[in-house]
Amino acid sequence: MKFQRLAPLLILAAAGSAFADDSYYGALRINSARYQAHDMDSSARPGLGQFVPGDESNTATGGSLALGYQLPSNWRVEAEYTLPKNNEFTSGSTRFPTSFNHHQIRSQRLMVNAYKDFPLNARFSLYGMAGLGLARLESSGWQGNPGRQYISDTQNNLAYSVGFGVSYSPIQKLSIDLGWRYVDMGKAKSGANNFANVRGLQDEQMRAKLTASEISIGLRYSF
């Protein structure tokens, strides 16, 4: 079963018992994320001169779904699925300055997050969080023009996140969360070039390490 089909099912499977205990909660979050491709100079383009950076970051809007449980002492733990997001990053070489690589990375995550809430009063609280889980990165792309494709490849990486934010509870059982977090999704790489290069070899490959800096707003409802 594909990752994007399995992840929501894993979250929803736990929901059967959620209605029996109001310590459970569901959350829906919308985020604005700045995705960054690091270490693109590790891409394989032998014999093509020095690395030339291109577009190494991209801003995109996305969303996530979560199912969590409220623990004693203002701790929370949850499973969160972040919906797939497509980003494109570019880089080139000094020998062929107009023939850029276009590295297209489709990312999605399934994380387990822990939160610690710090109540300020009856309605407002601060929180810190950390998460650990799986990031699925699917790489594809082209060089110079869309007819010169790379073979696609997929990596399933260990991912982690850290963040903080503020929560506001306007009514009982409902909270509005505004937060920031940093996410490291690990390394992405394409397959080899599926086109004829100047050496007549399949010895080129796009590589990057993907991170994201997210600002999110979410609704959290206790069952």
C-alpha atoms as a PDB file:
ATOM      1  CA  MET A   1       0.000   0.000   0.000  1.00  0.00           C
ATOM      2  CA  LYS A   2       1.342   3.408  -0.911  1.00  0.00           C
ATOM      3  CA  PHE A   3       2.627   5.675   1.850  1.00  0.00           C
ATOM      4  CA  GLN A   4       0.046   8.396   1.207  1.00  0.00           C
ATOM      5  CA  ARG A   5      -2.783   5.872   1.558  1.00  0.00           C
ATOM      6  CA  LEU A   6      -1.347   4.095   4.572  1.00  0.00           C
ATOM      7  CA  ALA A   7      -0.572   7.154   6.700  1.00  0.00           C
ATOM      8  CA  PRO A   8      -4.136   8.512   7.090  1.00  0.00           C
ATOM      9  CA  LEU A   9      -5.380   4.986   7.821  1.00  0.00           C
ATOM     10  CA  LEU A  10      -2.869   4.596  10.644  1.00  0.00           C
ATOM     11  CA  ILE A  11      -4.181   7.795  12.234  1.00  0.00           C
ATOM     12  CA  LEU A  12      -7.853   6.997  11.678  1.00  0.00           C
ATOM     13  CA  ALA A  13      -7.469   3.423  12.938  1.00  0.00           C
ATOM     14  CA  ALA A  14      -6.810   4.751  16.412  1.00  0.00           C
ATOM     15  CA  ALA A  15      -9.917   6.909  16.346  1.00  0.00           C
ATOM     16  CA  GLY A  16     -12.295   4.074  17.204  1.00  0.00           C
ATOM     17  CA  SER A  17     -11.560   4.365  20.913  1.00  0.00           C
ATOM     18  CA  ALA A  18     -11.110   8.133  20.869  1.00  0.00           C
ATOM     19  CA  PHE A  19     -14.744   8.931  21.582  1.00  0.00           C
ATOM     20  CA  ALA A  20     -14.652   7.004  24.864  1.00  0.00           C
ATOM     21  CA  ASP A  21     -12.199   9.382  26.535  1.00  0.00           C
ATOM     22  CA  ASP A  22     -12.165  13.181  26.231  1.00  0.00           C
ATOM     23  CA  SER A  23      -8.387  13.137  26.665  1.00  0.00           C
ATOM     24  CA  TYR A  24      -8.143  12.410  22.941  1.00  0.00           C
ATOM     25  CA  TYR A  25      -8.044  15.197  20.371  1.00  0.00           C
ATOM     26  CA  GLY A  26      -8.000  15.704  16.633  1.00  0.00           C
ATOM     27  CA  ALA A  27      -6.128  18.534  14.926  1.00  0.00           C
ATOM     28  CA  LEU A  28      -6.150  20.153  11.501  1.00  0.00           C
ATOM     29  CA  ARG A  29      -3.243  22.466  10.612  1.00  0.00           C
ATOM     30  CA  ILE A  30      -2.440  24.757   7.693  1.00  0.00           C
ATOM     31  CA  ASN A  31       1.176  25.829   7.261  1.00  0.00           C
ATOM     32  CA  SER A  32       3.350  28.145   5.226  1.00  0.00           C
ATOM     33  CA  ALA A  33       6.737  26.476   4.839  1.00  0.00           C
ATOM     34  CA  ARG A  34      10.088  27.569   3.475  1.00  0.00           C
ATOM     35  CA  TYR A  35      11.694  24.454   2.008  1.00  0.00           C
ATOM     36  CA  GLN A  36      15.467  24.486   1.681  1.00  0.00           C
ATOM     37  CA  ALA A  37      17.662  22.167  -0.423  1.00  0.00           C
ATOM     38  CA  HIS A  38      21.093  21.859   1.185  1.00  0.00           C
ATOM     39  CA  ASP A  39      24.254  20.201  -0.145  1.00  0.00           C
ATOM     40  CA  MET A  40      23.191  20.285  -3.791  1.00  0.00           C
ATOM     41  CA  ASP A  41      26.880  20.646  -4.593  1.00  0.00           C
ATOM     42  CA  SER A  42      27.169  16.931  -3.716  1.00  0.00           C
ATOM     43  CA  SER A  43      25.264  16.119  -6.952  1.00  0.00           C
ATOM     44  CA  ALA A  44      27.207  14.059  -9.465  1.00  0.00           C
ATOM     45  CA  ARG A  45      28.115  16.010 -12.630  1.00  0.00           C
ATOM     46  CA  PRO A  46      31.662  14.778 -13.330  1.00  0.00           C
ATOM     47  CA  GLY A  47      33.760  16.682 -15.849  1.00  0.00           C
ATOM     48  CA  LEU A  48      31.331  19.610 -16.025  1.00  0.00           C
ATOM     49  CA  GLY A  49      33.290  22.226 -14.085  1.00  0.00           C
ATOM     50  CA  GLN A  50      32.435  23.862 -10.785  1.00  0.00           C
ATOM     51  CA  PHE A  51      29.063  23.809  -9.061  1.00  0.00           C
ATOM     52  CA  VAL A  52      26.786  26.811  -9.716  1.00  0.00           C
ATOM     53  CA  PRO A  53      23.917  27.375  -7.236  1.00  0.00           C
ATOM     54  CA  GLY A  54      20.430  28.154  -8.495  1.00  0.00           C
ATOM     55  CA  ASP A  55      17.112  28.232  -6.637  1.00  0.00           C
ATOM     56  CA  GLU A  56      17.860  26.495  -3.343  1.00  0.00           C
ATOM     57  CA  SER A  57      14.647  27.397  -1.496  1.00  0.00           C
ATOM     58  CA  ASN A  58      10.928  27.471  -2.138  1.00  0.00           C
ATOM     59  CA  THR A  59       7.884  28.643  -0.161  1.00  0.00           C
ATOM     60  CA  ALA A  60       4.697  26.598  -0.268  1.00  0.00           C
ATOM     61  CA  THR A  61       1.426  26.185   1.638  1.00  0.00           C
ATOM     62  CA  GLY A  62       0.475  22.784   2.993  1.00  0.00           C
ATOM     63  CA  GLY A  63      -1.511  20.987   5.654  1.00  0.00           C
ATOM     64  CA  SER A  64      -1.538  18.134   8.129  1.00  0.00           C
ATOM     65  CA  LEU A  65      -3.895  15.936  10.164  1.00  0.00           C
ATOM     66  CA  ALA A  66      -3.206  14.680  13.673  1.00  0.00           C
ATOM     67  CA  LEU A  67      -4.721  12.470  16.359  1.00  0.00           C
ATOM     68  CA  GLY A  68      -3.414  12.963  19.889  1.00  0.00           C
ATOM     69  CA  TYR A  69      -3.805  12.204  23.563  1.00  0.00           C
ATOM     70  CA  GLN A  70      -3.601  14.567  26.544  1.00  0.00           C
ATOM     71  CA  LEU A  71      -1.279  13.206  29.243  1.00  0.00           C
ATOM     72  CA  PRO A  72      -0.884  14.324  32.876  1.00  0.00           C
ATOM     73  CA  SER A  73       1.262  17.356  33.773  1.00  0.00           C
ATOM     74  CA  ASN A  74       0.349  19.223  30.571  1.00  0.00           C
ATOM     75  CA  TRP A  75       2.042  16.777  28.204  1.00  0.00           C
ATOM     76  CA  ARG A  76       0.531  15.717  24.878  1.00  0.00           C
ATOM     77  CA  VAL A  77       1.522  13.072  22.340  1.00  0.00           C
ATOM     78  CA  GLU A  78       0.155  12.705  18.807  1.00  0.00           C
ATOM     79  CA  ALA A  79       0.520  11.009  15.437  1.00  0.00           C
ATOM     80  CA  GLU A  80       0.610  13.520  12.564  1.00  0.00           C
ATOM     81  CA  TYR A  81       0.450  13.024   8.811  1.00  0.00           C
ATOM     82  CA  THR A  82       1.688  15.906   6.641  1.00  0.00           C
ATOM     83  CA  LEU A  83       0.132  15.987   3.181  1.00  0.00           C
ATOM     84  CA  PRO A  84       2.356  15.611   0.089  1.00  0.00           C
ATOM     85  CA  LYS A  85       4.076  18.724  -1.219  1.00  0.00           C
ATOM     86  CA  ASN A  86       6.003  19.235  -4.479  1.00  0.00           C
ATOM     87  CA  ASN A  87       9.045  21.510  -4.634  1.00  0.00           C
ATOM     88  CA  GLU A  88      11.615  22.224  -7.349  1.00  0.00           C
ATOM     89  CA  PHE A  89      15.225  23.317  -6.864  1.00  0.00           C
ATOM     90  CA  THR A  90      17.853  24.159  -9.479  1.00  0.00           C
ATOM     91  CA  SER A  91      21.634  24.056  -9.828  1.00  0.00           C
ATOM     92  CA  GLY A  92      24.172  24.135 -12.648  1.00  0.00           C
ATOM     93  CA  SER A  93      27.847  23.992 -13.592  1.00  0.00           C
ATOM     94  CA  THR A  94      30.409  26.410 -14.973  1.00  0.00           C
ATOM     95  CA  ARG A  95      30.949  24.420 -18.188  1.00  0.00           C
ATOM     96  CA  PHE A  96      27.228  24.474 -19.106  1.00  0.00           C
ATOM     97  CA  PRO A  97      25.898  27.593 -17.325  1.00  0.00           C
ATOM     98  CA  THR A  98      22.462  27.512 -18.993  1.00  0.00           C
ATOM     99  CA  SER A  99      21.880  23.758 -18.606  1.00  0.00           C
ATOM    100  CA  PHE A 100      20.503  23.684 -15.057  1.00  0.00           C
ATOM    101  CA  ASN A 101      19.379  20.615 -13.165  1.00  0.00           C
ATOM    102  CA  HIS A 102      15.749  20.847 -12.052  1.00  0.00           C
ATOM    103  CA  HIS A 103      15.431  18.641  -8.957  1.00  0.00           C
ATOM    104  CA  GLN A 104      11.761  17.989  -8.211  1.00  0.00           C
ATOM    105  CA  ILE A 105      11.127  16.580  -4.719  1.00  0.00           C
ATOM    106  CA  ARG A 106       7.739  15.355  -3.515  1.00  0.00           C
ATOM    107  CA  SER A 107       7.743  15.093   0.282  1.00  0.00           C
ATOM    108  CA  GLN A 108       5.336  13.769   2.897  1.00  0.00           C
ATOM    109  CA  ARG A 109       5.746  12.802   6.540  1.00  0.00           C
ATOM    110  CA  LEU A 110       4.313  10.573   9.276  1.00  0.00           C
ATOM    111  CA  MET A 111       5.506  11.761  12.681  1.00  0.00           C
ATOM    112  CA  VAL A 112       5.038  11.105  16.388  1.00  0.00           C
ATOM    113  CA  ASN A 113       5.103  14.446  18.224  1.00  0.00           C
ATOM    114  CA  ALA A 114       5.423  15.249  21.932  1.00  0.00           C
ATOM    115  CA  TYR A 115       4.213  18.599  23.329  1.00  0.00           C
ATOM    116  CA  LYS A 116       4.685  20.295  26.682  1.00  0.00           C
ATOM    117  CA  ASP A 117       2.143  23.013  27.478  1.00  0.00           C
ATOM    118  CA  PHE A 118       2.879  25.937  29.814  1.00  0.00           C
ATOM    119  CA  PRO A 119      -0.446  27.529  30.868  1.00  0.00           C
ATOM    120  CA  LEU A 120      -0.430  31.318  31.253  1.00  0.00           C
ATOM    121  CA  ASN A 121      -4.071  31.626  32.318  1.00  0.00           C
ATOM    122  CA  ALA A 122      -7.401  29.893  31.664  1.00  0.00           C
ATOM    123  CA  ARG A 123      -7.276  30.582  27.920  1.00  0.00           C
ATOM    124  CA  PHE A 124      -3.662  31.064  26.812  1.00  0.00           C
ATOM    125  CA  SER A 125      -0.676  28.742  27.001  1.00  0.00           C
ATOM    126  CA  LEU A 126       2.758  28.403  25.462  1.00  0.00           C
ATOM    127  CA  TYR A 127       4.140  25.103  24.191  1.00  0.00           C
ATOM    128  CA  GLY A 128       7.327  23.443  23.077  1.00  0.00           C
ATOM    129  CA  MET A 129       7.408  20.364  20.857  1.00  0.00           C
ATOM    130  CA  ALA A 130       9.657  17.739  19.303  1.00  0.00           C
ATOM    131  CA  GLY A 131       8.853  15.061  16.753  1.00  0.00           C
ATOM    132  CA  LEU A 132      10.382  11.929  15.258  1.00  0.00           C
ATOM    133  CA  GLY A 133       9.147   9.879  12.337  1.00  0.00           C
ATOM    134  CA  LEU A 134       9.355   8.985   8.666  1.00  0.00           C
ATOM    135  CA  ALA A 135       9.787  11.277   5.670  1.00  0.00           C
ATOM    136  CA  ARG A 136       9.161   9.920   2.178  1.00  0.00           C
ATOM    137  CA  LEU A 137      11.060  11.847  -0.499  1.00  0.00           C
ATOM    138  CA  GLU A 138      10.409  11.128  -4.195  1.00  0.00           C
ATOM    139  CA  SER A 139      12.983  12.643  -6.560  1.00  0.00           C
ATOM    140  CA  SER A 140      12.655  13.269 -10.271  1.00  0.00           C
ATOM    141  CA  GLY A 141      13.586  16.040 -12.681  1.00  0.00           C
ATOM    142  CA  TRP A 142      15.473  17.071 -15.772  1.00  0.00           C
ATOM    143  CA  GLN A 143      18.501  18.903 -17.109  1.00  0.00           C
ATOM    144  CA  GLY A 144      18.433  21.751 -19.595  1.00  0.00           C
ATOM    145  CA  ASN A 145      14.996  20.930 -21.049  1.00  0.00           C
ATOM    146  CA  PRO A 146      12.146  18.614 -19.972  1.00  0.00           C
ATOM    147  CA  GLY A 147      13.128  16.038 -22.594  1.00  0.00           C
ATOM    148  CA  ARG A 148      16.360  15.258 -20.712  1.00  0.00           C
ATOM    149  CA  GLN A 149      14.938  13.370 -17.756  1.00  0.00           C
ATOM    150  CA  TYR A 150      16.576  11.747 -14.758  1.00  0.00           C
ATOM    151  CA  ILE A 151      15.399   8.349 -13.553  1.00  0.00           C
ATOM    152  CA  SER A 152      13.183   8.836 -10.501  1.00  0.00           C
ATOM    153  CA  ASP A 153      14.056   7.420  -7.080  1.00  0.00           C
ATOM    154  CA  THR A 154      12.524   7.349  -3.583  1.00  0.00           C
ATOM    155  CA  GLN A 155      14.030   7.531  -0.105  1.00  0.00           C
ATOM    156  CA  ASN A 156      12.291   6.781   3.206  1.00  0.00           C
ATOM    157  CA  ASN A 157      14.252   8.731   5.818  1.00  0.00           C
ATOM    158  CA  LEU A 158      14.251   9.252   9.552  1.00  0.00           C
ATOM    159  CA  ALA A 159      12.923  12.778  10.139  1.00  0.00           C
ATOM    160  CA  TYR A 160      12.855  15.011  13.198  1.00  0.00           C
ATOM    161  CA  SER A 161      11.306  18.344  14.154  1.00  0.00           C
ATOM    162  CA  VAL A 162      11.515  20.914  16.969  1.00  0.00           C
ATOM    163  CA  GLY A 163       9.294  23.919  17.548  1.00  0.00           C
ATOM    164  CA  PHE A 164       7.311  26.198  19.825  1.00  0.00           C
ATOM    165  CA  GLY A 165       4.082  28.177  19.789  1.00  0.00           C
ATOM    166  CA  VAL A 166       1.087  29.621  21.585  1.00  0.00           C
ATOM    167  CA  SER A 167      -2.398  28.191  22.106  1.00  0.00           C
ATOM    168  CA  TYR A 168      -5.701  29.972  22.711  1.00  0.00           C
ATOM    169  CA  SER A 169      -8.816  28.197  23.951  1.00  0.00           C
ATOM    170  CA  PRO A 170     -11.931  30.333  23.195  1.00  0.00           C
ATOM    171  CA  ILE A 171     -14.346  27.644  24.410  1.00  0.00           C
ATOM    172  CA  GLN A 172     -14.118  24.342  26.244  1.00  0.00           C
ATOM    173  CA  LYS A 173     -12.534  21.521  24.198  1.00  0.00           C
ATOM    174  CA  LEU A 174     -11.432  23.801  21.323  1.00  0.00           C
ATOM    175  CA  SER A 175      -7.947  25.311  20.955  1.00  0.00           C
ATOM    176  CA  ILE A 176      -6.347  27.458  18.264  1.00  0.00           C
ATOM    177  CA  ASP A 177      -2.602  26.884  17.867  1.00  0.00           C
ATOM    178  CA  LEU A 178      -0.092  29.214  16.238  1.00  0.00           C
ATOM    179  CA  GLY A 179       3.418  27.831  15.987  1.00  0.00           C
ATOM    180  CA  TRP A 180       6.786  27.535  14.292  1.00  0.00           C
ATOM    181  CA  ARG A 181       8.906  24.442  13.751  1.00  0.00           C
ATOM    182  CA  TYR A 182      12.026  23.269  11.974  1.00  0.00           C
ATOM    183  CA  VAL A 183      11.889  19.927  10.156  1.00  0.00           C
ATOM    184  CA  ASP A 184      14.829  17.873   8.861  1.00  0.00           C
ATOM    185  CA  MET A 185      13.688  15.289   6.297  1.00  0.00           C
ATOM    186  CA  GLY A 186      17.072  13.851   5.339  1.00  0.00           C
ATOM    187  CA  LYS A 187      18.652  13.281   1.962  1.00  0.00           C
ATOM    188  CA  ALA A 188      16.947  13.014  -1.424  1.00  0.00           C
ATOM    189  CA  LYS A 189      18.539  11.738  -4.613  1.00  0.00           C
ATOM    190  CA  SER A 190      17.372  10.970  -8.117  1.00  0.00           C
ATOM    191  CA  GLY A 191      18.385   8.030 -10.239  1.00  0.00           C
ATOM    192  CA  ALA A 192      20.986   8.391 -12.964  1.00  0.00           C
ATOM    193  CA  ASN A 193      20.574  10.554 -16.046  1.00  0.00           C
ATOM    194  CA  ASN A 194      18.263   8.919 -18.584  1.00  0.00           C
ATOM    195  CA  PHE A 195      19.690  10.972 -21.454  1.00  0.00           C
ATOM    196  CA  ALA A 196      22.923  11.067 -23.412  1.00  0.00           C
ATOM    197  CA  ASN A 197      25.471  13.416 -21.846  1.00  0.00           C
ATOM    198  CA  VAL A 198      28.740  14.651 -23.370  1.00  0.00           C
ATOM    199  CA  ARG A 199      30.588  11.543 -22.166  1.00  0.00           C
ATOM    200  CA  GLY A 200      27.895   9.105 -23.290  1.00  0.00           C
ATOM    201  CA  LEU A 201      27.587   7.802 -19.710  1.00  0.00           C
ATOM    202  CA  GLN A 202      24.915   7.486 -17.044  1.00  0.00           C
ATOM    203  CA  ASP A 203      27.090   9.060 -14.356  1.00  0.00           C
ATOM    204  CA  GLU A 204      25.023  12.082 -13.281  1.00  0.00           C
ATOM    205  CA  GLN A 205      22.707  12.242 -10.281  1.00  0.00           C
ATOM    206  CA  MET A 206      20.857  15.017  -8.422  1.00  0.00           C
ATOM    207  CA  ARG A 207      21.257  15.101  -4.637  1.00  0.00           C
ATOM    208  CA  ALA A 208      20.030  17.351  -1.812  1.00  0.00           C
ATOM    209  CA  LYS A 209      19.231  17.414   1.887  1.00  0.00           C
ATOM    210  CA  LEU A 210      15.700  18.728   2.488  1.00  0.00           C
ATOM    211  CA  THR A 211      14.621  20.850   5.457  1.00  0.00           C
ATOM    212  CA  ALA A 212      11.624  23.058   6.137  1.00  0.00           C
ATOM    213  CA  SER A 213      10.859  26.012   8.385  1.00  0.00           C
ATOM    214  CA  GLU A 214       7.106  26.078   8.998  1.00  0.00           C
ATOM    215  CA  ILE A 215       4.666  28.597  10.445  1.00  0.00           C
ATOM    216  CA  SER A 216       1.324  26.945  11.103  1.00  0.00           C
ATOM    217  CA  ILE A 217      -2.125  27.704  12.435  1.00  0.00           C
ATOM    218  CA  GLY A 218      -4.352  24.893  13.562  1.00  0.00           C
ATOM    219  CA  LEU A 219      -7.596  23.877  15.242  1.00  0.00           C
ATOM    220  CA  ARG A 220      -7.477  21.238  17.978  1.00  0.00           C
ATOM    221  CA  TYR A 221     -10.665  19.656  19.336  1.00  0.00           C
ATOM    222  CA  SER A 222     -10.863  17.318  22.346  1.00  0.00           C
ATOM    223  CA  PHE A 223     -13.225  14.352  22.206  1.00  0.00           C
END
